[in-house]
Amino acid sequence: MQRENPGVNLPALRGHNAALVLDLLRAAGETGISRLELAERTGLTPQAVSKITARLRAEGLAAEAGRRASTGGKPRT
């Protein structure tokens, strides 16, 4: 059986994902959290997290803190 309104829950899903990211940002506090860490903890793709954080910054709910110091480890691939 085919759904009459495919994608009707997309706005709800976007809101849920944004809430997940925002909760982690709040929990991280002043120390912050990287977009990559957000992706790993939420199970979202890095691209999705980047879009969500851009939207949160545009709405004034999040701010970019800059880069963290390198730990000298092997770069991610």
PDB file of N, CA and C in Angstrom:
ATOM      1  N   MET A   1       0.841  -1.175   0.000  1.00  0.00           N
ATOM      2  CA  MET A   1       0.000   0.000   0.000  1.00  0.00           C
ATOM      3  C   MET A   1       0.891   1.245   0.000  1.00  0.00           C
ATOM      4  N   GLN A   2       0.570   2.184  -0.852  1.00  0.00           N
ATOM      5  CA  GLN A   2       1.365   3.403  -0.978  1.00  0.00           C
ATOM      6  C   GLN A   2       0.761   4.519  -0.131  1.00  0.00           C
ATOM      7  N   ARG A   3       1.643   5.293   0.509  1.00  0.00           N
ATOM      8  CA  ARG A   3       1.179   6.408   1.340  1.00  0.00           C
ATOM      9  C   ARG A   3       0.660   7.535   0.463  1.00  0.00           C
ATOM     10  N   GLU A   4      -0.395   8.192   0.930  1.00  0.00           N
ATOM     11  CA  GLU A   4      -0.973   9.298   0.176  1.00  0.00           C
ATOM     12  C   GLU A   4      -0.113  10.547   0.243  1.00  0.00           C
ATOM     13  N   ASN A   5       0.540  10.785   1.375  1.00  0.00           N
ATOM     14  CA  ASN A   5       1.348  11.983   1.578  1.00  0.00           C
ATOM     15  C   ASN A   5       2.773  11.610   1.988  1.00  0.00           C
ATOM     16  N   PRO A   6       3.570  11.079   1.062  1.00  0.00           N
ATOM     17  CA  PRO A   6       4.930  10.724   1.448  1.00  0.00           C
ATOM     18  C   PRO A   6       5.709  11.962   1.885  1.00  0.00           C
ATOM     19  N   GLY A   7       6.495  11.808   2.933  1.00  0.00           N
ATOM     20  CA  GLY A   7       7.303  12.923   3.418  1.00  0.00           C
ATOM     21  C   GLY A   7       6.563  13.868   4.339  1.00  0.00           C
ATOM     22  N   VAL A   8       5.345  13.515   4.721  1.00  0.00           N
ATOM     23  CA  VAL A   8       4.551  14.412   5.557  1.00  0.00           C
ATOM     24  C   VAL A   8       5.188  14.596   6.935  1.00  0.00           C
ATOM     25  N   ASN A   9       5.989  13.650   7.381  1.00  0.00           N
ATOM     26  CA  ASN A   9       6.623  13.749   8.689  1.00  0.00           C
ATOM     27  C   ASN A   9       8.008  14.374   8.630  1.00  0.00           C
ATOM     28  N   LEU A  10       8.438  14.839   7.469  1.00  0.00           N
ATOM     29  CA  LEU A  10       9.766  15.422   7.326  1.00  0.00           C
ATOM     30  C   LEU A  10       9.982  16.622   8.244  1.00  0.00           C
ATOM     31  N   PRO A  11       9.041  17.557   8.361  1.00  0.00           N
ATOM     32  CA  PRO A  11       9.251  18.670   9.300  1.00  0.00           C
ATOM     33  C   PRO A  11       9.413  18.193  10.748  1.00  0.00           C
ATOM     34  N   ALA A  12       8.655  17.180  11.133  1.00  0.00           N
ATOM     35  CA  ALA A  12       8.769  16.644  12.491  1.00  0.00           C
ATOM     36  C   ALA A  12      10.135  15.999  12.698  1.00  0.00           C
ATOM     37  N   LEU A  13      10.619  15.287  11.693  1.00  0.00           N
ATOM     38  CA  LEU A  13      11.935  14.658  11.775  1.00  0.00           C
ATOM     39  C   LEU A  13      13.036  15.711  11.873  1.00  0.00           C
ATOM     40  N   ARG A  14      12.923  16.773  11.086  1.00  0.00           N
ATOM     41  CA  ARG A  14      13.902  17.863  11.155  1.00  0.00           C
ATOM     42  C   ARG A  14      13.918  18.490  12.546  1.00  0.00           C
ATOM     43  N   GLY A  15      12.744  18.714  13.097  1.00  0.00           N
ATOM     44  CA  GLY A  15      12.650  19.285  14.437  1.00  0.00           C
ATOM     45  C   GLY A  15      13.256  18.369  15.491  1.00  0.00           C
ATOM     46  N   HIS A  16      13.003  17.082  15.352  1.00  0.00           N
ATOM     47  CA  HIS A  16      13.562  16.100  16.289  1.00  0.00           C
ATOM     48  C   HIS A  16      15.085  16.094  16.218  1.00  0.00           C
ATOM     49  N   ASN A  17      15.630  16.069  14.999  1.00  0.00           N
ATOM     50  CA  ASN A  17      17.083  16.058  14.827  1.00  0.00           C
ATOM     51  C   ASN A  17      17.719  17.339  15.359  1.00  0.00           C
ATOM     52  N   ALA A  18      17.080  18.468  15.119  1.00  0.00           N
ATOM     53  CA  ALA A  18      17.597  19.741  15.631  1.00  0.00           C
ATOM     54  C   ALA A  18      17.582  19.741  17.155  1.00  0.00           C
ATOM     55  N   ALA A  19      16.548  19.171  17.752  1.00  0.00           N
ATOM     56  CA  ALA A  19      16.468  19.095  19.212  1.00  0.00           C
ATOM     57  C   ALA A  19      17.572  18.212  19.774  1.00  0.00           C
ATOM     58  N   LEU A  20      17.880  17.108  19.092  1.00  0.00           N
ATOM     59  CA  LEU A  20      18.978  16.240  19.527  1.00  0.00           C
ATOM     60  C   LEU A  20      20.294  17.008  19.550  1.00  0.00           C
ATOM     61  N   VAL A  21      20.567  17.724  18.461  1.00  0.00           N
ATOM     62  CA  VAL A  21      21.811  18.485  18.352  1.00  0.00           C
ATOM     63  C   VAL A  21      21.850  19.589  19.404  1.00  0.00           C
ATOM     64  N   LEU A  22      20.757  20.303  19.562  1.00  0.00           N
ATOM     65  CA  LEU A  22      20.708  21.398  20.535  1.00  0.00           C
ATOM     66  C   LEU A  22      20.912  20.889  21.962  1.00  0.00           C
ATOM     67  N   ASP A  23      20.332  19.741  22.283  1.00  0.00           N
ATOM     68  CA  ASP A  23      20.525  19.162  23.617  1.00  0.00           C
ATOM     69  C   ASP A  23      21.994  18.842  23.870  1.00  0.00           C
ATOM     70  N   LEU A  24      22.678  18.287  22.870  1.00  0.00           N
ATOM     71  CA  LEU A  24      24.099  17.975  23.032  1.00  0.00           C
ATOM     72  C   LEU A  24      24.937  19.241  23.143  1.00  0.00           C
ATOM     73  N   LEU A  25      24.571  20.275  22.395  1.00  0.00           N
ATOM     74  CA  LEU A  25      25.293  21.545  22.498  1.00  0.00           C
ATOM     75  C   LEU A  25      25.148  22.132  23.897  1.00  0.00           C
ATOM     76  N   ARG A  26      23.948  22.075  24.428  1.00  0.00           N
ATOM     77  CA  ARG A  26      23.706  22.587  25.783  1.00  0.00           C
ATOM     78  C   ARG A  26      24.475  21.779  26.818  1.00  0.00           C
ATOM     79  N   ALA A  27      24.477  20.460  26.663  1.00  0.00           N
ATOM     80  CA  ALA A  27      25.174  19.590  27.611  1.00  0.00           C
ATOM     81  C   ALA A  27      26.682  19.826  27.574  1.00  0.00           C
ATOM     82  N   ALA A  28      27.212  20.151  26.402  1.00  0.00           N
ATOM     83  CA  ALA A  28      28.655  20.389  26.267  1.00  0.00           C
ATOM     84  C   ALA A  28      29.068  21.683  26.952  1.00  0.00           C
ATOM     85  N   GLY A  29      28.151  22.627  27.030  1.00  0.00           N
ATOM     86  CA  GLY A  29      28.428  23.892  27.713  1.00  0.00           C
ATOM     87  C   GLY A  29      29.565  24.674  27.080  1.00  0.00           C
ATOM     88  N   GLU A  30      30.358  25.320  27.923  1.00  0.00           N
ATOM     89  CA  GLU A  30      31.446  26.190  27.464  1.00  0.00           C
ATOM     90  C   GLU A  30      32.557  25.428  26.753  1.00  0.00           C
ATOM     91  N   THR A  31      32.729  24.153  27.075  1.00  0.00           N
ATOM     92  CA  THR A  31      33.796  23.377  26.432  1.00  0.00           C
ATOM     93  C   THR A  31      33.484  23.119  24.970  1.00  0.00           C
ATOM     94  N   GLY A  32      32.207  23.094  24.631  1.00  0.00           N
ATOM     95  CA  GLY A  32      31.794  22.918  23.245  1.00  0.00           C
ATOM     96  C   GLY A  32      31.896  21.479  22.778  1.00  0.00           C
ATOM     97  N   ILE A  33      31.489  21.274  21.548  1.00  0.00           N
ATOM     98  CA  ILE A  33      31.510  19.960  20.923  1.00  0.00           C
ATOM     99  C   ILE A  33      31.629  20.172  19.421  1.00  0.00           C
ATOM    100  N   SER A  34      32.394  19.342  18.764  1.00  0.00           N
ATOM    101  CA  SER A  34      32.596  19.505  17.324  1.00  0.00           C
ATOM    102  C   SER A  34      31.411  18.937  16.550  1.00  0.00           C
ATOM    103  N   ARG A  35      31.282  19.364  15.310  1.00  0.00           N
ATOM    104  CA  ARG A  35      30.226  18.824  14.458  1.00  0.00           C
ATOM    105  C   ARG A  35      30.433  17.329  14.242  1.00  0.00           C
ATOM    106  N   LEU A  36      31.683  16.907  14.147  1.00  0.00           N
ATOM    107  CA  LEU A  36      31.965  15.485  13.967  1.00  0.00           C
ATOM    108  C   LEU A  36      31.508  14.684  15.187  1.00  0.00           C
ATOM    109  N   GLU A  37      31.770  15.213  16.382  1.00  0.00           N
ATOM    110  CA  GLU A  37      31.306  14.550  17.602  1.00  0.00           C
ATOM    111  C   GLU A  37      29.781  14.519  17.658  1.00  0.00           C
ATOM    112  N   LEU A  38      29.152  15.607  17.237  1.00  0.00           N
ATOM    113  CA  LEU A  38      27.688  15.637  17.194  1.00  0.00           C
ATOM    114  C   LEU A  38      27.163  14.545  16.272  1.00  0.00           C
ATOM    115  N   ALA A  39      27.793  14.393  15.113  1.00  0.00           N
ATOM    116  CA  ALA A  39      27.373  13.369  14.160  1.00  0.00           C
ATOM    117  C   ALA A  39      27.527  11.975  14.765  1.00  0.00           C
ATOM    118  N   GLU A  40      28.658  11.735  15.409  1.00  0.00           N
ATOM    119  CA  GLU A  40      28.896  10.419  16.005  1.00  0.00           C
ATOM    120  C   GLU A  40      27.893  10.111  17.107  1.00  0.00           C
ATOM    121  N   ARG A  41      27.578  11.086  17.933  1.00  0.00           N
ATOM    122  CA  ARG A  41      26.682  10.858  19.072  1.00  0.00           C
ATOM    123  C   ARG A  41      25.219  10.762  18.675  1.00  0.00           C
ATOM    124  N   THR A  42      24.831  11.442  17.604  1.00  0.00           N
ATOM    125  CA  THR A  42      23.426  11.422  17.187  1.00  0.00           C
ATOM    126  C   THR A  42      23.135  10.352  16.149  1.00  0.00           C
ATOM    127  N   GLY A  43      24.170   9.891  15.449  1.00  0.00           N
ATOM    128  CA  GLY A  43      23.953   8.947  14.362  1.00  0.00           C
ATOM    129  C   GLY A  43      23.578   9.634  13.060  1.00  0.00           C
ATOM    130  N   LEU A  44      23.593  10.962  13.056  1.00  0.00           N
ATOM    131  CA  LEU A  44      23.311  11.726  11.841  1.00  0.00           C
ATOM    132  C   LEU A  44      24.580  11.824  11.002  1.00  0.00           C
ATOM    133  N   THR A  45      24.427  12.125   9.734  1.00  0.00           N
ATOM    134  CA  THR A  45      25.598  12.312   8.884  1.00  0.00           C
ATOM    135  C   THR A  45      26.251  13.651   9.206  1.00  0.00           C
ATOM    136  N   PRO A  46      27.562  13.766   8.969  1.00  0.00           N
ATOM    137  CA  PRO A  46      28.214  15.060   9.178  1.00  0.00           C
ATOM    138  C   PRO A  46      27.552  16.181   8.376  1.00  0.00           C
ATOM    139  N   GLN A  47      27.097  15.876   7.163  1.00  0.00           N
ATOM    140  CA  GLN A  47      26.425  16.881   6.339  1.00  0.00           C
ATOM    141  C   GLN A  47      25.125  17.347   7.001  1.00  0.00           C
ATOM    142  N   ALA A  48      24.360  16.420   7.544  1.00  0.00           N
ATOM    143  CA  ALA A  48      23.107  16.785   8.215  1.00  0.00           C
ATOM    144  C   ALA A  48      23.387  17.652   9.439  1.00  0.00           C
ATOM    145  N   VAL A  49      24.414  17.288  10.204  1.00  0.00           N
ATOM    146  CA  VAL A  49      24.771  18.071  11.390  1.00  0.00           C
ATOM    147  C   VAL A  49      25.207  19.474  10.986  1.00  0.00           C
ATOM    148  N   SER A  50      25.963  19.589   9.902  1.00  0.00           N
ATOM    149  CA  SER A  50      26.390  20.912   9.430  1.00  0.00           C
ATOM    150  C   SER A  50      25.192  21.772   9.055  1.00  0.00           C
ATOM    151  N   LYS A  51      24.208  21.177   8.386  1.00  0.00           N
ATOM    152  CA  LYS A  51      23.002  21.925   8.014  1.00  0.00           C
ATOM    153  C   LYS A  51      22.210  22.346   9.248  1.00  0.00           C
ATOM    154  N   ILE A  52      22.101  21.436  10.211  1.00  0.00           N
ATOM    155  CA  ILE A  52      21.353  21.744  11.430  1.00  0.00           C
ATOM    156  C   ILE A  52      22.050  22.845  12.216  1.00  0.00           C
ATOM    157  N   THR A  53      23.371  22.743  12.382  1.00  0.00           N
ATOM    158  CA  THR A  53      24.087  23.764  13.155  1.00  0.00           C
ATOM    159  C   THR A  53      24.061  25.108  12.441  1.00  0.00           C
ATOM    160  N   ALA A  54      24.077  25.105  11.118  1.00  0.00           N
ATOM    161  CA  ALA A  54      23.971  26.368  10.376  1.00  0.00           C
ATOM    162  C   ALA A  54      22.619  27.017  10.641  1.00  0.00           C
ATOM    163  N   ARG A  55      21.573  26.208  10.660  1.00  0.00           N
ATOM    164  CA  ARG A  55      20.231  26.728  10.932  1.00  0.00           C
ATOM    165  C   ARG A  55      20.133  27.247  12.372  1.00  0.00           C
ATOM    166  N   LEU A  56      20.730  26.522  13.314  1.00  0.00           N
ATOM    167  CA  LEU A  56      20.714  26.966  14.713  1.00  0.00           C
ATOM    168  C   LEU A  56      21.490  28.264  14.893  1.00  0.00           C
ATOM    169  N   ARG A  57      22.608  28.411  14.178  1.00  0.00           N
ATOM    170  CA  ARG A  57      23.373  29.662  14.244  1.00  0.00           C
ATOM    171  C   ARG A  57      22.568  30.806  13.651  1.00  0.00           C
ATOM    172  N   ALA A  58      21.892  30.558  12.535  1.00  0.00           N
ATOM    173  CA  ALA A  58      21.083  31.597  11.885  1.00  0.00           C
ATOM    174  C   ALA A  58      19.938  32.052  12.791  1.00  0.00           C
ATOM    175  N   GLU A  59      19.429  31.132  13.611  1.00  0.00           N
ATOM    176  CA  GLU A  59      18.335  31.454  14.531  1.00  0.00           C
ATOM    177  C   GLU A  59      18.846  32.011  15.859  1.00  0.00           C
ATOM    178  N   GLY A  60      20.164  32.118  15.996  1.00  0.00           N
ATOM    179  CA  GLY A  60      20.746  32.654  17.221  1.00  0.00           C
ATOM    180  C   GLY A  60      20.770  31.677  18.385  1.00  0.00           C
ATOM    181  N   LEU A  61      20.596  30.392  18.103  1.00  0.00           N
ATOM    182  CA  LEU A  61      20.561  29.380  19.156  1.00  0.00           C
ATOM    183  C   LEU A  61      21.908  28.711  19.392  1.00  0.00           C
ATOM    184  N   ALA A  62      22.856  28.938  18.498  1.00  0.00           N
ATOM    185  CA  ALA A  62      24.192  28.348  18.625  1.00  0.00           C
ATOM    186  C   ALA A  62      25.197  29.314  18.026  1.00  0.00           C
ATOM    187  N   ALA A  63      26.447  29.146  18.425  1.00  0.00           N
ATOM    188  CA  ALA A  63      27.519  29.992  17.897  1.00  0.00           C
ATOM    189  C   ALA A  63      28.727  29.130  17.578  1.00  0.00           C
ATOM    190  N   GLU A  64      29.452  29.529  16.555  1.00  0.00           N
ATOM    191  CA  GLU A  64      30.690  28.844  16.171  1.00  0.00           C
ATOM    192  C   GLU A  64      31.776  29.298  17.132  1.00  0.00           C
ATOM    193  N   ALA A  65      32.497  28.351  17.708  1.00  0.00           N
ATOM    194  CA  ALA A  65      33.517  28.696  18.699  1.00  0.00           C
ATOM    195  C   ALA A  65      34.923  28.702  18.116  1.00  0.00           C
ATOM    196  N   GLY A  66      35.106  28.214  16.919  1.00  0.00           N
ATOM    197  CA  GLY A  66      36.446  28.149  16.341  1.00  0.00           C
ATOM    198  C   GLY A  66      36.994  26.740  16.391  1.00  0.00           C
ATOM    199  N   ARG A  67      38.250  26.623  16.051  1.00  0.00           N
ATOM    200  CA  ARG A  67      38.883  25.305  16.001  1.00  0.00           C
ATOM    201  C   ARG A  67      39.516  24.952  17.333  1.00  0.00           C
ATOM    202  N   ARG A  68      39.547  23.661  17.601  1.00  0.00           N
ATOM    203  CA  ARG A  68      40.240  23.156  18.781  1.00  0.00           C
ATOM    204  C   ARG A  68      41.691  22.888  18.412  1.00  0.00           C
ATOM    205  N   ALA A  69      42.536  22.877  19.407  1.00  0.00           N
ATOM    206  CA  ALA A  69      43.944  22.562  19.174  1.00  0.00           C
ATOM    207  C   ALA A  69      44.075  21.104  18.749  1.00  0.00           C
ATOM    208  N   SER A  70      44.962  20.851  17.825  1.00  0.00           N
ATOM    209  CA  SER A  70      45.201  19.496  17.350  1.00  0.00           C
ATOM    210  C   SER A  70      45.822  18.656  18.456  1.00  0.00           C
ATOM    211  N   THR A  71      45.397  17.405  18.527  1.00  0.00           N
ATOM    212  CA  THR A  71      45.973  16.487  19.509  1.00  0.00           C
ATOM    213  C   THR A  71      47.143  15.717  18.926  1.00  0.00           C
ATOM    214  N   GLY A  72      47.443  15.968  17.653  1.00  0.00           N
ATOM    215  CA  GLY A  72      48.577  15.307  17.022  1.00  0.00           C
ATOM    216  C   GLY A  72      48.274  13.921  16.503  1.00  0.00           C
ATOM    217  N   GLY A  73      47.028  13.512  16.604  1.00  0.00           N
ATOM    218  CA  GLY A  73      46.659  12.184  16.128  1.00  0.00           C
ATOM    219  C   GLY A  73      46.564  12.135  14.616  1.00  0.00           C
ATOM    220  N   LYS A  74      46.338  10.944  14.120  1.00  0.00           N
ATOM    221  CA  LYS A  74      46.192  10.742  12.687  1.00  0.00           C
ATOM    222  C   LYS A  74      44.897  11.401  12.222  1.00  0.00           C
ATOM    223  N   PRO A  75      44.944  12.153  11.119  1.00  0.00           N
ATOM    224  CA  PRO A  75      43.718  12.785  10.605  1.00  0.00           C
ATOM    225  C   PRO A  75      42.683  11.739  10.214  1.00  0.00           C
ATOM    226  N   ARG A  76      41.410  12.082  10.379  1.00  0.00           N
ATOM    227  CA  ARG A  76      40.332  11.180   9.978  1.00  0.00           C
ATOM    228  C   ARG A  76      40.311  11.062   8.468  1.00  0.00           C
ATOM    229  N   THR A  77      39.883   9.911   7.982  1.00  0.00           N
ATOM    230  CA  THR A  77      39.773   9.710   6.532  1.00  0.00           C
ATOM    231  C   THR A  77      38.341   9.557   6.127  1.00  0.00           C
TER     232      THR A  77
END
